[in-house]
C-alpha atoms as a PDB file:
ATOM      1  CA  UNK A   1     118.256 110.262  80.355  1.00  0.00           C
ATOM      2  CA  UNK A   2     117.338 109.662  84.313  1.00  0.00           C
ATOM      3  CA  UNK A   3     120.621 108.352  85.079  1.00  0.00           C
ATOM      4  CA  UNK A   4     122.616 110.982  83.926  1.00  0.00           C
ATOM      5  CA  UNK A   5     120.315 113.724  85.236  1.00  0.00           C
ATOM      6  CA  UNK A   6     120.587 111.952  88.842  1.00  0.00           C
ATOM      7  CA  UNK A   7     124.207 111.495  89.011  1.00  0.00           C
ATOM      8  CA  UNK A   8     124.452 115.159  87.963  1.00  0.00           C
ATOM      9  CA  UNK A   9     122.296 116.145  91.206  1.00  0.00           C
ATOM     10  CA  UNK A  10     124.098 113.964  93.225  1.00  0.00           C
ATOM     11  CA  UNK A  11     127.595 115.684  92.342  1.00  0.00           C
ATOM     12  CA  UNK A  12     126.149 118.901  92.815  1.00  0.00           C
ATOM     13  CA  UNK A  13     124.692 117.843  95.979  1.00  0.00           C
ATOM     14  CA  UNK A  14     127.975 116.521  97.614  1.00  0.00           C
ATOM     15  CA  UNK A  15     130.144 119.585  95.984  1.00  0.00           C
ATOM     16  CA  UNK A  16     127.116 121.622  98.004  1.00  0.00           C
ATOM     17  CA  UNK A  17     128.505 120.772 101.349  1.00  0.00           C
ATOM     18  CA  UNK A  18     132.027 120.284 101.153  1.00  0.00           C
ATOM     19  CA  UNK A  19     134.383 122.505 103.177  1.00  0.00           C
ATOM     20  CA  UNK A  20     135.504 124.995 101.155  1.00  0.00           C
ATOM     21  CA  UNK A  21     139.409 124.168 101.176  1.00  0.00           C
ATOM     22  CA  UNK A  22     138.026 121.890  98.576  1.00  0.00           C
ATOM     23  CA  UNK A  23     136.422 124.468  96.799  1.00  0.00           C
ATOM     24  CA  UNK A  24     132.431 123.474  97.922  1.00  0.00           C
ATOM     25  CA  UNK A  25     129.754 125.723  99.291  1.00  0.00           C
ATOM     26  CA  UNK A  26     130.376 125.088 102.890  1.00  0.00           C
ATOM     27  CA  UNK A  27     126.439 123.772 103.334  1.00  0.00           C
ATOM     28  CA  UNK A  28     127.152 120.857 105.636  1.00  0.00           C
ATOM     29  CA  UNK A  29     126.277 122.406 108.947  1.00  0.00           C
ATOM     30  CA  UNK A  30     123.114 123.873 107.211  1.00  0.00           C
ATOM     31  CA  UNK A  31     122.417 120.382 105.948  1.00  0.00           C
ATOM     32  CA  UNK A  32     122.640 118.778 108.882  1.00  0.00           C
ATOM     33  CA  UNK A  33     120.744 121.664 110.686  1.00  0.00           C
ATOM     34  CA  UNK A  34     117.892 120.952 107.958  1.00  0.00           C
ATOM     35  CA  UNK A  35     118.105 117.123 108.970  1.00  0.00           C
ATOM     36  CA  UNK A  36     118.048 117.679 112.754  1.00  0.00           C
ATOM     37  CA  UNK A  37     114.569 120.084 112.193  1.00  0.00           C
ATOM     38  CA  UNK A  38     113.158 118.035 109.991  1.00  0.00           C
ATOM     39  CA  UNK A  39     113.825 114.702 111.457  1.00  0.00           C
ATOM     40  CA  UNK A  40     111.126 114.490 114.182  1.00  0.00           C
ATOM     41  CA  UNK A  41     108.352 115.978 111.544  1.00  0.00           C
ATOM     42  CA  UNK A  42     109.345 113.224 109.009  1.00  0.00           C
ATOM     43  CA  UNK A  43     108.651 110.788 111.798  1.00  0.00           C
ATOM     44  CA  UNK A  44     105.109 111.925 112.357  1.00  0.00           C
ATOM     45  CA  UNK A  45     103.830 111.911 108.600  1.00  0.00           C
ATOM     46  CA  UNK A  46     105.454 108.096 109.061  1.00  0.00           C
ATOM     47  CA  UNK A  47     103.287 107.309 112.069  1.00  0.00           C
ATOM     48  CA  UNK A  48     100.262 108.921 110.289  1.00  0.00           C
ATOM     49  CA  UNK A  49     100.707 107.088 107.385  1.00  0.00           C
ATOM     50  CA  UNK A  50     101.377 103.702 109.235  1.00  0.00           C
ATOM     51  CA  UNK A  51      98.192 104.902 111.955  1.00  0.00           C
ATOM     52  CA  UNK A  52      96.057 105.346 108.500  1.00  0.00           C
ATOM     53  CA  UNK A  53      97.333 102.180 106.265  1.00  0.00           C
ATOM     54  CA  UNK A  54      96.174 100.204 109.507  1.00  0.00           C
ATOM     55  CA  UNK A  55      92.941 101.033 110.598  1.00  0.00           C
ATOM     56  CA  UNK A  56      92.322 100.774 106.568  1.00  0.00           C
ATOM     57  CA  UNK A  57      93.660  97.178 106.719  1.00  0.00           C
ATOM     58  CA  UNK A  58      91.618  96.324 109.946  1.00  0.00           C
ATOM     59  CA  UNK A  59      88.694  97.996 108.199  1.00  0.00           C
ATOM     60  CA  UNK A  60      88.800  95.769 104.550  1.00  0.00           C
ATOM     61  CA  UNK A  61      89.847  92.673 106.898  1.00  0.00           C
ATOM     62  CA  UNK A  62      86.732  92.974 108.773  1.00  0.00           C
ATOM     63  CA  UNK A  63      84.548  93.783 105.647  1.00  0.00           C
ATOM     64  CA  UNK A  64      86.050  90.421 103.769  1.00  0.00           C
ATOM     65  CA  UNK A  65      85.177  88.394 106.559  1.00  0.00           C
ATOM     66  CA  UNK A  66      81.456  89.480 106.237  1.00  0.00           C
ATOM     67  CA  UNK A  67      81.782  88.711 102.346  1.00  0.00           C
ATOM     68  CA  UNK A  68      82.785  85.363 103.280  1.00  0.00           C
ATOM     69  CA  UNK A  69      80.153  84.935 105.914  1.00  0.00           C
ATOM     70  CA  UNK A  70      77.766  85.657 103.629  1.00  0.00           C
ATOM     71  CA  UNK A  71      78.932  83.675 100.714  1.00  0.00           C
ATOM     72  CA  UNK A  72      79.030  80.558 103.350  1.00  0.00           C
ATOM     73  CA  UNK A  73      75.518  81.467 104.309  1.00  0.00           C
ATOM     74  CA  UNK A  74      74.050  81.721 100.816  1.00  0.00           C
ATOM     75  CA  UNK A  75      76.206  78.671  99.615  1.00  0.00           C
ATOM     76  CA  UNK A  76      74.344  76.452 103.166  1.00  0.00           C
ATOM     77  CA  UNK A  77      71.145  77.892 102.074  1.00  0.00           C
ATOM     78  CA  UNK A  78      71.257  76.709  98.159  1.00  0.00           C
ATOM     79  CA  UNK A  79      71.953  73.434  99.500  1.00  0.00           C
ATOM     80  CA  UNK A  80      69.413  72.677 102.052  1.00  0.00           C
ATOM     81  CA  UNK A  81      66.642  74.321  99.868  1.00  0.00           C
ATOM     82  CA  UNK A  82      65.009  71.710  97.535  1.00  0.00           C
ATOM     83  CA  UNK A  83      64.728  67.832  97.842  1.00  0.00           C
ATOM     84  CA  UNK A  84      67.501  66.055  96.116  1.00  0.00           C
ATOM     85  CA  UNK A  85      65.918  63.813  92.715  1.00  0.00           C
END
């Protein structure tokens, strides 16, 4: 069902952009104007998302490194606590 709905929307979108000579709605110029105006805004959003993901990744790596060092220190302290029997 989803494939059928997707195909219908795809065909209607192409039909809307066709020139009037081909019985279309001749919206091609409007679509291009929308894309030209929306591309910089989309670029800004993608850039912001990438920066936030990068910051979160750096924080995660730093936290994982601290946890790893704490586990190593705990393991080293556990091995040195008593005499071997």
